[in-house]
PDB file of N, CA and C in Angstrom:
ATOM      1  N   MET A   1      42.288 -52.683 101.426  1.00  0.00           N
ATOM      2  CA  MET A   1      41.600 -53.189 102.577  1.00  0.00           C
ATOM      3  C   MET A   1      40.296 -53.803 102.100  1.00  0.00           C
ATOM      4  N   SER A   2      40.003 -55.009 102.546  1.00  0.00           N
ATOM      5  CA  SER A   2      38.764 -55.659 102.151  1.00  0.00           C
ATOM      6  C   SER A   2      37.905 -55.872 103.384  1.00  0.00           C
ATOM      7  N   ILE A   3      36.622 -55.845 103.163  1.00  0.00           N
ATOM      8  CA  ILE A   3      35.667 -56.027 104.244  1.00  0.00           C
ATOM      9  C   ILE A   3      34.910 -57.312 103.974  1.00  0.00           C
ATOM     10  N   LEU A   4      34.896 -58.189 104.938  1.00  0.00           N
ATOM     11  CA  LEU A   4      34.128 -59.422 104.797  1.00  0.00           C
ATOM     12  C   LEU A   4      32.734 -59.178 105.335  1.00  0.00           C
ATOM     13  N   ILE A   5      31.768 -59.304 104.455  1.00  0.00           N
ATOM     14  CA  ILE A   5      30.377 -59.096 104.852  1.00  0.00           C
ATOM     15  C   ILE A   5      29.660 -60.439 104.754  1.00  0.00           C
ATOM     16  N   PRO A   6      29.076 -60.876 105.884  1.00  0.00           N
ATOM     17  CA  PRO A   6      28.371 -62.157 105.856  1.00  0.00           C
ATOM     18  C   PRO A   6      27.121 -62.058 104.989  1.00  0.00           C
ATOM     19  N   PRO A   7      26.617 -63.185 104.527  1.00  0.00           N
ATOM     20  CA  PRO A   7      25.383 -63.168 103.735  1.00  0.00           C
ATOM     21  C   PRO A   7      24.247 -62.539 104.539  1.00  0.00           C
ATOM     22  N   VAL A   8      23.487 -61.679 103.886  1.00  0.00           N
ATOM     23  CA  VAL A   8      22.396 -60.972 104.562  1.00  0.00           C
ATOM     24  C   VAL A   8      21.170 -61.868 104.579  1.00  0.00           C
ATOM     25  N   VAL A   9      20.695 -62.120 105.802  1.00  0.00           N
ATOM     26  CA  VAL A   9      19.531 -62.975 105.963  1.00  0.00           C
ATOM     27  C   VAL A   9      18.286 -62.151 106.250  1.00  0.00           C
ATOM     28  N   SER A  10      18.457 -61.028 106.961  1.00  0.00           N
ATOM     29  CA  SER A  10      17.306 -60.196 107.277  1.00  0.00           C
ATOM     30  C   SER A  10      17.620 -58.739 106.964  1.00  0.00           C
ATOM     31  N   VAL A  11      16.578 -57.917 106.988  1.00  0.00           N
ATOM     32  CA  VAL A  11      16.747 -56.482 106.743  1.00  0.00           C
ATOM     33  C   VAL A  11      17.637 -55.874 107.819  1.00  0.00           C
ATOM     34  N   LYS A  12      17.470 -56.296 109.061  1.00  0.00           N
ATOM     35  CA  LYS A  12      18.279 -55.776 110.171  1.00  0.00           C
ATOM     36  C   LYS A  12      19.757 -56.107 109.947  1.00  0.00           C
ATOM     37  N   GLN A  13      20.046 -57.319 109.524  1.00  0.00           N
ATOM     38  CA  GLN A  13      21.432 -57.692 109.256  1.00  0.00           C
ATOM     39  C   GLN A  13      21.988 -56.876 108.080  1.00  0.00           C
ATOM     40  N   GLY A  14      21.143 -56.603 107.111  1.00  0.00           N
ATOM     41  CA  GLY A  14      21.564 -55.781 105.973  1.00  0.00           C
ATOM     42  C   GLY A  14      21.917 -54.366 106.409  1.00  0.00           C
ATOM     43  N   GLU A  15      21.103 -53.810 107.328  1.00  0.00           N
ATOM     44  CA  GLU A  15      21.388 -52.471 107.848  1.00  0.00           C
ATOM     45  C   GLU A  15      22.708 -52.463 108.622  1.00  0.00           C
ATOM     46  N   VAL A  16      22.927 -53.497 109.425  1.00  0.00           N
ATOM     47  CA  VAL A  16      24.170 -53.593 110.199  1.00  0.00           C
ATOM     48  C   VAL A  16      25.359 -53.700 109.257  1.00  0.00           C
ATOM     49  N   ALA A  17      25.240 -54.525 108.224  1.00  0.00           N
ATOM     50  CA  ALA A  17      26.338 -54.684 107.264  1.00  0.00           C
ATOM     51  C   ALA A  17      26.619 -53.371 106.549  1.00  0.00           C
ATOM     52  N   LEU A  18      25.565 -52.652 106.162  1.00  0.00           N
ATOM     53  CA  LEU A  18      25.734 -51.373 105.487  1.00  0.00           C
ATOM     54  C   LEU A  18      26.413 -50.362 106.413  1.00  0.00           C
ATOM     55  N   LEU A  19      26.010 -50.338 107.668  1.00  0.00           N
ATOM     56  CA  LEU A  19      26.637 -49.441 108.640  1.00  0.00           C
ATOM     57  C   LEU A  19      28.117 -49.776 108.826  1.00  0.00           C
ATOM     58  N   MET A  20      28.434 -51.066 108.803  1.00  0.00           N
ATOM     59  CA  MET A  20      29.836 -51.476 108.922  1.00  0.00           C
ATOM     60  C   MET A  20      30.651 -50.942 107.744  1.00  0.00           C
ATOM     61  N   VAL A  21      30.108 -51.033 106.554  1.00  0.00           N
ATOM     62  CA  VAL A  21      30.799 -50.548 105.361  1.00  0.00           C
ATOM     63  C   VAL A  21      30.977 -49.034 105.426  1.00  0.00           C
ATOM     64  N   VAL A  22      29.910 -48.328 105.813  1.00  0.00           N
ATOM     65  CA  VAL A  22      29.976 -46.868 105.924  1.00  0.00           C
ATOM     66  C   VAL A  22      31.019 -46.458 106.950  1.00  0.00           C
ATOM     67  N   ARG A  23      31.021 -47.116 108.109  1.00  0.00           N
ATOM     68  CA  ARG A  23      31.987 -46.795 109.168  1.00  0.00           C
ATOM     69  C   ARG A  23      33.412 -47.036 108.683  1.00  0.00           C
ATOM     70  N   CYS A  24      33.616 -48.123 107.979  1.00  0.00           N
ATOM     71  CA  CYS A  24      34.952 -48.428 107.461  1.00  0.00           C
ATOM     72  C   CYS A  24      35.393 -47.374 106.454  1.00  0.00           C
ATOM     73  N   CYS A  25      34.489 -46.948 105.580  1.00  0.00           N
ATOM     74  CA  CYS A  25      34.816 -45.915 104.592  1.00  0.00           C
ATOM     75  C   CYS A  25      35.137 -44.593 105.272  1.00  0.00           C
ATOM     76  N   GLN A  26      34.381 -44.250 106.316  1.00  0.00           N
ATOM     77  CA  GLN A  26      34.648 -43.014 107.054  1.00  0.00           C
ATOM     78  C   GLN A  26      36.024 -43.069 107.715  1.00  0.00           C
ATOM     79  N   GLU A  27      36.362 -44.200 108.325  1.00  0.00           N
ATOM     80  CA  GLU A  27      37.670 -44.346 108.974  1.00  0.00           C
ATOM     81  C   GLU A  27      38.791 -44.243 107.951  1.00  0.00           C
ATOM     82  N   THR A  28      38.591 -44.817 106.776  1.00  0.00           N
ATOM     83  CA  THR A  28      39.604 -44.743 105.724  1.00  0.00           C
ATOM     84  C   THR A  28      39.790 -43.303 105.257  1.00  0.00           C
ATOM     85  N   ALA A  29      38.684 -42.564 105.116  1.00  0.00           N
ATOM     86  CA  ALA A  29      38.768 -41.163 104.699  1.00  0.00           C
ATOM     87  C   ALA A  29      39.485 -40.324 105.750  1.00  0.00           C
ATOM     88  N   VAL A  30      39.198 -40.563 107.021  1.00  0.00           N
ATOM     89  CA  VAL A  30      39.863 -39.824 108.097  1.00  0.00           C
ATOM     90  C   VAL A  30      41.353 -40.150 108.100  1.00  0.00           C
ATOM     91  N   THR A  31      41.700 -41.400 107.944  1.00  0.00           N
ATOM     92  CA  THR A  31      43.101 -41.801 107.925  1.00  0.00           C
ATOM     93  C   THR A  31      43.835 -41.146 106.757  1.00  0.00           C
ATOM     94  N   ALA A  32      43.221 -41.095 105.598  1.00  0.00           N
ATOM     95  CA  ALA A  32      43.841 -40.464 104.431  1.00  0.00           C
ATOM     96  C   ALA A  32      44.033 -38.969 104.675  1.00  0.00           C
ATOM     97  N   ALA A  33      43.049 -38.318 105.280  1.00  0.00           N
ATOM     98  CA  ALA A  33      43.164 -36.890 105.574  1.00  0.00           C
ATOM     99  C   ALA A  33      44.276 -36.636 106.591  1.00  0.00           C
ATOM    100  N   GLU A  34      44.371 -37.507 107.586  1.00  0.00           N
ATOM    101  CA  GLU A  34      45.436 -37.360 108.579  1.00  0.00           C
ATOM    102  C   GLU A  34      46.806 -37.550 107.935  1.00  0.00           C
ATOM    103  N   ARG A  35      46.928 -38.513 107.037  1.00  0.00           N
ATOM    104  CA  ARG A  35      48.199 -38.734 106.329  1.00  0.00           C
ATOM    105  C   ARG A  35      48.560 -37.530 105.481  1.00  0.00           C
ATOM    106  N   GLU A  36      47.555 -36.938 104.841  1.00  0.00           N
ATOM    107  CA  GLU A  36      47.802 -35.765 104.008  1.00  0.00           C
ATOM    108  C   GLU A  36      48.299 -34.593 104.864  1.00  0.00           C
ATOM    109  N   LYS A  37      47.696 -34.393 106.028  1.00  0.00           N
ATOM    110  CA  LYS A  37      48.134 -33.323 106.930  1.00  0.00           C
ATOM    111  C   LYS A  37      49.547 -33.575 107.432  1.00  0.00           C
ATOM    112  N   LEU A  38      49.839 -34.807 107.762  1.00  0.00           N
ATOM    113  CA  LEU A  38      51.176 -35.159 108.239  1.00  0.00           C
ATOM    114  C   LEU A  38      52.218 -34.953 107.142  1.00  0.00           C
ATOM    115  N   ALA A  39      51.883 -35.309 105.915  1.00  0.00           N
ATOM    116  CA  ALA A  39      52.810 -35.114 104.799  1.00  0.00           C
ATOM    117  C   ALA A  39      53.064 -33.628 104.576  1.00  0.00           C
ATOM    118  N   TRP A  40      52.024 -32.807 104.664  1.00  0.00           N
ATOM    119  CA  TRP A  40      52.186 -31.357 104.508  1.00  0.00           C
ATOM    120  C   TRP A  40      53.094 -30.814 105.601  1.00  0.00           C
ATOM    121  N   LEU A  41      52.862 -31.254 106.831  1.00  0.00           N
ATOM    122  CA  LEU A  41      53.679 -30.801 107.951  1.00  0.00           C
ATOM    123  C   LEU A  41      55.133 -31.220 107.765  1.00  0.00           C
ATOM    124  N   ALA A  42      55.357 -32.468 107.379  1.00  0.00           N
ATOM    125  CA  ALA A  42      56.721 -32.969 107.191  1.00  0.00           C
ATOM    126  C   ALA A  42      57.429 -32.234 106.064  1.00  0.00           C
ATOM    127  N   ALA A  43      56.705 -31.809 105.051  1.00  0.00           N
ATOM    128  CA  ALA A  43      57.328 -31.111 103.926  1.00  0.00           C
ATOM    129  C   ALA A  43      57.592 -29.641 104.237  1.00  0.00           C
ATOM    130  N   ASN A  44      56.718 -29.000 105.004  1.00  0.00           N
ATOM    131  CA  ASN A  44      56.832 -27.562 105.235  1.00  0.00           C
ATOM    132  C   ASN A  44      57.577 -27.187 106.502  1.00  0.00           C
ATOM    133  N   LEU A  45      57.554 -28.023 107.509  1.00  0.00           N
ATOM    134  CA  LEU A  45      58.199 -27.694 108.769  1.00  0.00           C
ATOM    135  C   LEU A  45      59.702 -27.445 108.609  1.00  0.00           C
ATOM    136  N   PRO A  46      60.452 -28.308 107.920  1.00  0.00           N
ATOM    137  CA  PRO A  46      61.888 -28.024 107.774  1.00  0.00           C
ATOM    138  C   PRO A  46      62.155 -26.688 107.085  1.00  0.00           C
ATOM    139  N   HIS A  47      61.362 -26.367 106.072  1.00  0.00           N
ATOM    140  CA  HIS A  47      61.550 -25.109 105.361  1.00  0.00           C
ATOM    141  C   HIS A  47      61.305 -23.919 106.291  1.00  0.00           C
ATOM    142  N   GLN A  48      60.226 -23.981 107.067  1.00  0.00           N
ATOM    143  CA  GLN A  48      59.891 -22.881 107.966  1.00  0.00           C
ATOM    144  C   GLN A  48      60.911 -22.741 109.095  1.00  0.00           C
ATOM    145  N   LEU A  49      61.496 -23.831 109.546  1.00  0.00           N
ATOM    146  CA  LEU A  49      62.522 -23.772 110.586  1.00  0.00           C
ATOM    147  C   LEU A  49      63.871 -23.331 110.027  1.00  0.00           C
ATOM    148  N   ASN A  50      64.173 -23.724 108.827  1.00  0.00           N
ATOM    149  CA  ASN A  50      65.500 -23.492 108.271  1.00  0.00           C
ATOM    150  C   ASN A  50      65.788 -22.013 108.035  1.00  0.00           C
ATOM    151  N   ASN A  51      64.807 -21.245 107.599  1.00  0.00           N
ATOM    152  CA  ASN A  51      65.061 -19.838 107.300  1.00  0.00           C
ATOM    153  C   ASN A  51      65.552 -19.062 108.524  1.00  0.00           C
ATOM    154  N   PRO A  52      64.806 -19.021 109.641  1.00  0.00           N
ATOM    155  CA  PRO A  52      65.323 -18.292 110.805  1.00  0.00           C
ATOM    156  C   PRO A  52      66.563 -18.960 111.400  1.00  0.00           C
ATOM    157  N   LEU A  53      66.653 -20.263 111.287  1.00  0.00           N
ATOM    158  CA  LEU A  53      67.807 -20.974 111.813  1.00  0.00           C
ATOM    159  C   LEU A  53      69.090 -20.538 111.099  1.00  0.00           C
ATOM    160  N   GLN A  54      69.029 -20.361 109.790  1.00  0.00           N
ATOM    161  CA  GLN A  54      70.199 -19.922 109.037  1.00  0.00           C
ATOM    162  C   GLN A  54      70.627 -18.513 109.440  1.00  0.00           C
ATOM    163  N   ILE A  55      69.673 -17.650 109.734  1.00  0.00           N
ATOM    164  CA  ILE A  55      69.999 -16.297 110.190  1.00  0.00           C
ATOM    165  C   ILE A  55      70.701 -16.360 111.548  1.00  0.00           C
ATOM    166  N   ILE A  56      70.170 -17.152 112.456  1.00  0.00           N
ATOM    167  CA  ILE A  56      70.770 -17.293 113.789  1.00  0.00           C
ATOM    168  C   ILE A  56      72.174 -17.879 113.687  1.00  0.00           C
ATOM    169  N   MET A  57      72.294 -18.966 112.915  1.00  0.00           N
ATOM    170  CA  MET A  57      73.607 -19.614 112.765  1.00  0.00           C
ATOM    171  C   MET A  57      74.617 -18.655 112.133  1.00  0.00           C
ATOM    172  N   GLY A  58      74.194 -17.938 111.119  1.00  0.00           N
ATOM    173  CA  GLY A  58      75.094 -16.993 110.454  1.00  0.00           C
ATOM    174  C   GLY A  58      75.560 -15.898 111.402  1.00  0.00           C
ATOM    175  N   ALA A  59      74.628 -15.346 112.173  1.00  0.00           N
ATOM    176  CA  ALA A  59      74.996 -14.290 113.118  1.00  0.00           C
ATOM    177  C   ALA A  59      75.948 -14.813 114.191  1.00  0.00           C
ATOM    178  N   LEU A  60      75.670 -16.003 114.705  1.00  0.00           N
ATOM    179  CA  LEU A  60      76.548 -16.577 115.731  1.00  0.00           C
ATOM    180  C   LEU A  60      77.940 -16.886 115.176  1.00  0.00           C
ATOM    181  N   GLU A  61      78.013 -17.344 113.949  1.00  0.00           N
ATOM    182  CA  GLU A  61      79.312 -17.663 113.356  1.00  0.00           C
ATOM    183  C   GLU A  61      80.121 -16.399 113.069  1.00  0.00           C
ATOM    184  N   VAL A  62      79.463 -15.338 112.628  1.00  0.00           N
ATOM    185  CA  VAL A  62      80.165 -14.073 112.409  1.00  0.00           C
ATOM    186  C   VAL A  62      80.680 -13.537 113.741  1.00  0.00           C
ATOM    187  N   TYR A  63      79.824 -13.575 114.764  1.00  0.00           N
ATOM    188  CA  TYR A  63      80.234 -13.106 116.094  1.00  0.00           C
ATOM    189  C   TYR A  63      81.417 -13.932 116.608  1.00  0.00           C
ATOM    190  N   ASN A  64      81.360 -15.244 116.410  1.00  0.00           N
ATOM    191  CA  ASN A  64      82.416 -16.136 116.886  1.00  0.00           C
ATOM    192  C   ASN A  64      83.749 -15.860 116.178  1.00  0.00           C
ATOM    193  N   LYS A  65      83.699 -15.395 114.933  1.00  0.00           N
ATOM    194  CA  LYS A  65      84.921 -15.073 114.205  1.00  0.00           C
ATOM    195  C   LYS A  65      85.692 -13.931 114.873  1.00  0.00           C
ATOM    196  N   PHE A  66      84.935 -12.936 115.339  1.00  0.00           N
ATOM    197  CA  PHE A  66      85.563 -11.755 115.928  1.00  0.00           C
ATOM    198  C   PHE A  66      85.771 -11.880 117.433  1.00  0.00           C
ATOM    199  N   GLN A  67      84.921 -12.634 118.089  1.00  0.00           N
ATOM    200  CA  GLN A  67      85.010 -12.825 119.545  1.00  0.00           C
ATOM    201  C   GLN A  67      84.742 -14.297 119.829  1.00  0.00           C
ATOM    202  N   PRO A  68      85.779 -15.133 119.838  1.00  0.00           N
ATOM    203  CA  PRO A  68      85.568 -16.581 120.034  1.00  0.00           C
ATOM    204  C   PRO A  68      84.800 -16.890 121.322  1.00  0.00           C
ATOM    205  N   PHE A  69      83.925 -17.874 121.211  1.00  0.00           N
ATOM    206  CA  PHE A  69      83.095 -18.278 122.356  1.00  0.00           C
ATOM    207  C   PHE A  69      83.942 -19.005 123.391  1.00  0.00           C
ATOM    208  N   ALA A  70      83.654 -18.748 124.644  1.00  0.00           N
ATOM    209  CA  ALA A  70      84.204 -19.580 125.717  1.00  0.00           C
ATOM    210  C   ALA A  70      83.397 -20.871 125.747  1.00  0.00           C
ATOM    211  N   ASP A  71      83.963 -21.943 126.298  1.00  0.00           N
ATOM    212  CA  ASP A  71      83.283 -23.246 126.301  1.00  0.00           C
ATOM    213  C   ASP A  71      81.957 -23.226 127.043  1.00  0.00           C
ATOM    214  N   ASP A  72      81.849 -22.400 128.093  1.00  0.00           N
ATOM    215  CA  ASP A  72      80.619 -22.380 128.883  1.00  0.00           C
ATOM    216  C   ASP A  72      79.747 -21.164 128.568  1.00  0.00           C
ATOM    217  N   SER A  73      80.055 -20.478 127.475  1.00  0.00           N
ATOM    218  CA  SER A  73      79.323 -19.272 127.085  1.00  0.00           C
ATOM    219  C   SER A  73      77.899 -19.625 126.647  1.00  0.00           C
ATOM    220  N   PRO A  74      76.918 -18.785 127.024  1.00  0.00           N
ATOM    221  CA  PRO A  74      75.553 -19.005 126.517  1.00  0.00           C
ATOM    222  C   PRO A  74      75.496 -18.955 124.993  1.00  0.00           C
ATOM    223  N   LEU A  75      76.362 -18.137 124.390  1.00  0.00           N
ATOM    224  CA  LEU A  75      76.378 -18.081 122.926  1.00  0.00           C
ATOM    225  C   LEU A  75      76.890 -19.385 122.323  1.00  0.00           C
ATOM    226  N   LYS A  76      77.847 -20.023 122.975  1.00  0.00           N
ATOM    227  CA  LYS A  76      78.350 -21.326 122.526  1.00  0.00           C
ATOM    228  C   LYS A  76      77.239 -22.376 122.634  1.00  0.00           C
ATOM    229  N   LEU A  77      76.498 -22.325 123.747  1.00  0.00           N
ATOM    230  CA  LEU A  77      75.369 -23.260 123.925  1.00  0.00           C
ATOM    231  C   LEU A  77      74.304 -23.018 122.858  1.00  0.00           C
ATOM    232  N   ALA A  78      74.031 -21.746 122.556  1.00  0.00           N
ATOM    233  CA  ALA A  78      73.039 -21.426 121.524  1.00  0.00           C
ATOM    234  C   ALA A  78      73.519 -21.908 120.156  1.00  0.00           C
ATOM    235  N   HIS A  79      74.798 -21.727 119.880  1.00  0.00           N
ATOM    236  CA  HIS A  79      75.370 -22.181 118.607  1.00  0.00           C
ATOM    237  C   HIS A  79      75.250 -23.697 118.472  1.00  0.00           C
ATOM    238  N   ASP A  80      75.588 -24.411 119.553  1.00  0.00           N
ATOM    239  CA  ASP A  80      75.489 -25.874 119.527  1.00  0.00           C
ATOM    240  C   ASP A  80      74.051 -26.344 119.361  1.00  0.00           C
ATOM    241  N   ALA A  81      73.109 -25.681 120.054  1.00  0.00           N
ATOM    242  CA  ALA A  81      71.688 -26.044 119.942  1.00  0.00           C
ATOM    243  C   ALA A  81      71.181 -25.781 118.530  1.00  0.00           C
ATOM    244  N   ALA A  82      71.585 -24.656 117.941  1.00  0.00           N
ATOM    245  CA  ALA A  82      71.173 -24.336 116.567  1.00  0.00           C
ATOM    246  C   ALA A  82      71.746 -25.351 115.586  1.00  0.00           C
ATOM    247  N   HIS A  83      72.963 -25.788 115.840  1.00  0.00           N
ATOM    248  CA  HIS A  83      73.582 -26.806 114.972  1.00  0.00           C
ATOM    249  C   HIS A  83      72.817 -28.135 115.059  1.00  0.00           C
ATOM    250  N   ARG A  84      72.436 -28.531 116.283  1.00  0.00           N
ATOM    251  CA  ARG A  84      71.652 -29.772 116.447  1.00  0.00           C
ATOM    252  C   ARG A  84      70.302 -29.643 115.745  1.00  0.00           C
ATOM    253  N   LEU A  85      69.661 -28.487 115.881  1.00  0.00           N
ATOM    254  CA  LEU A  85      68.381 -28.276 115.209  1.00  0.00           C
ATOM    255  C   LEU A  85      68.559 -28.320 113.699  1.00  0.00           C
ATOM    256  N   GLY A  86      69.669 -27.783 113.218  1.00  0.00           N
ATOM    257  CA  GLY A  86      69.960 -27.857 111.786  1.00  0.00           C
ATOM    258  C   GLY A  86      70.081 -29.297 111.316  1.00  0.00           C
ATOM    259  N   ASN A  87      70.684 -30.147 112.132  1.00  0.00           N
ATOM    260  CA  ASN A  87      70.779 -31.573 111.786  1.00  0.00           C
ATOM    261  C   ASN A  87      69.401 -32.222 111.735  1.00  0.00           C
ATOM    262  N   VAL A  88      68.530 -31.861 112.665  1.00  0.00           N
ATOM    263  CA  VAL A  88      67.160 -32.401 112.665  1.00  0.00           C
ATOM    264  C   VAL A  88      66.434 -31.967 111.400  1.00  0.00           C
ATOM    265  N   VAL A  89      66.546 -30.687 111.053  1.00  0.00           N
ATOM    266  CA  VAL A  89      65.910 -30.179 109.829  1.00  0.00           C
ATOM    267  C   VAL A  89      66.435 -30.935 108.609  1.00  0.00           C
ATOM    268  N   TRP A  90      67.737 -31.145 108.543  1.00  0.00           N
ATOM    269  CA  TRP A  90      68.342 -31.872 107.422  1.00  0.00           C
ATOM    270  C   TRP A  90      67.796 -33.302 107.345  1.00  0.00           C
ATOM    271  N   ASN A  91      67.722 -33.984 108.493  1.00  0.00           N
ATOM    272  CA  ASN A  91      67.241 -35.367 108.509  1.00  0.00           C
ATOM    273  C   ASN A  91      65.781 -35.461 108.075  1.00  0.00           C
ATOM    274  N   VAL A  92      64.948 -34.541 108.531  1.00  0.00           N
ATOM    275  CA  VAL A  92      63.532 -34.551 108.129  1.00  0.00           C
ATOM    276  C   VAL A  92      63.426 -34.283 106.636  1.00  0.00           C
ATOM    277  N   THR A  93      64.212 -33.344 106.133  1.00  0.00           N
ATOM    278  CA  THR A  93      64.196 -33.043 104.697  1.00  0.00           C
ATOM    279  C   THR A  93      64.586 -34.269 103.878  1.00  0.00           C
ATOM    280  N   GLN A  94      65.631 -34.971 104.304  1.00  0.00           N
ATOM    281  CA  GLN A  94      66.063 -36.176 103.595  1.00  0.00           C
ATOM    282  C   GLN A  94      64.989 -37.260 103.643  1.00  0.00           C
ATOM    283  N   PHE A  95      64.323 -37.391 104.789  1.00  0.00           N
ATOM    284  CA  PHE A  95      63.261 -38.384 104.940  1.00  0.00           C
ATOM    285  C   PHE A  95      62.102 -38.075 103.990  1.00  0.00           C
ATOM    286  N   VAL A  96      61.704 -36.805 103.928  1.00  0.00           N
ATOM    287  CA  VAL A  96      60.587 -36.417 103.060  1.00  0.00           C
ATOM    288  C   VAL A  96      60.953 -36.659 101.600  1.00  0.00           C
ATOM    289  N   GLN A  97      62.174 -36.293 101.213  1.00  0.00           N
ATOM    290  CA  GLN A  97      62.589 -36.506  99.827  1.00  0.00           C
ATOM    291  C   GLN A  97      62.649 -37.991  99.479  1.00  0.00           C
ATOM    292  N   ALA A  98      63.121 -38.809 100.410  1.00  0.00           N
ATOM    293  CA  ALA A  98      63.162 -40.257 100.167  1.00  0.00           C
ATOM    294  C   ALA A  98      61.754 -40.825 100.080  1.00  0.00           C
ATOM    295  N   SER A  99      60.843 -40.322 100.915  1.00  0.00           N
ATOM    296  CA  SER A  99      59.453 -40.797 100.895  1.00  0.00           C
ATOM    297  C   SER A  99      58.777 -40.426  99.591  1.00  0.00           C
ATOM    298  N   ASP A 100      59.062 -39.216  99.077  1.00  0.00           N
ATOM    299  CA  ASP A 100      58.473 -38.796  97.803  1.00  0.00           C
ATOM    300  C   ASP A 100      58.962 -39.679  96.662  1.00  0.00           C
ATOM    301  N   ALA A 101      60.216 -40.086  96.726  1.00  0.00           N
ATOM    302  CA  ALA A 101      60.783 -40.903  95.651  1.00  0.00           C
ATOM    303  C   ALA A 101      60.227 -42.316  95.650  1.00  0.00           C
ATOM    304  N   MET A 102      59.812 -42.815  96.830  1.00  0.00           N
ATOM    305  CA  MET A 102      59.338 -44.190  96.923  1.00  0.00           C
ATOM    306  C   MET A 102      57.944 -44.374  96.352  1.00  0.00           C
ATOM    307  N   GLU A 103      57.114 -43.352  96.342  1.00  0.00           N
ATOM    308  CA  GLU A 103      55.726 -43.437  95.865  1.00  0.00           C
ATOM    309  C   GLU A 103      55.005 -44.613  96.499  1.00  0.00           C
ATOM    310  N   VAL A 104      54.844 -44.540  97.813  1.00  0.00           N
ATOM    311  CA  VAL A 104      54.141 -45.586  98.540  1.00  0.00           C
ATOM    312  C   VAL A 104      52.649 -45.431  98.299  1.00  0.00           C
ATOM    313  N   PRO A 105      51.976 -46.463  97.836  1.00  0.00           N
ATOM    314  CA  PRO A 105      50.534 -46.345  97.602  1.00  0.00           C
ATOM    315  C   PRO A 105      49.780 -46.297  98.918  1.00  0.00           C
ATOM    316  N   TYR A 106      48.702 -45.511  98.938  1.00  0.00           N
ATOM    317  CA  TYR A 106      47.853 -45.448 100.126  1.00  0.00           C
ATOM    318  C   TYR A 106      46.962 -46.678 100.177  1.00  0.00           C
ATOM    319  N   VAL A 107      46.839 -47.220 101.342  1.00  0.00           N
ATOM    320  CA  VAL A 107      46.001 -48.415 101.521  1.00  0.00           C
ATOM    321  C   VAL A 107      44.692 -48.009 102.121  1.00  0.00           C
TER     322      VAL A 107
END
């Protein structure tokens, strides 16, 4: 990112130009910090969701083996919801891994 600073004619204009540069640097630092937080969240959220999700899915599948779910059973709905959440976790994990491989430079 480049900042175009007009030629400084007076001290007041110099102060304004300096403030513009400082403000731009602060915004860039905030944006970088926000990106870092988002990257941490994207990397850790699937892991934190996957552990309890696997326990729930495993328990529901074992139960279903011995007592098959009816189509309108709350357990069937829970199993389907857990499966959809598992797909979301998988997709986020794949996205994070692909993003890490790309090494996109920060602007």
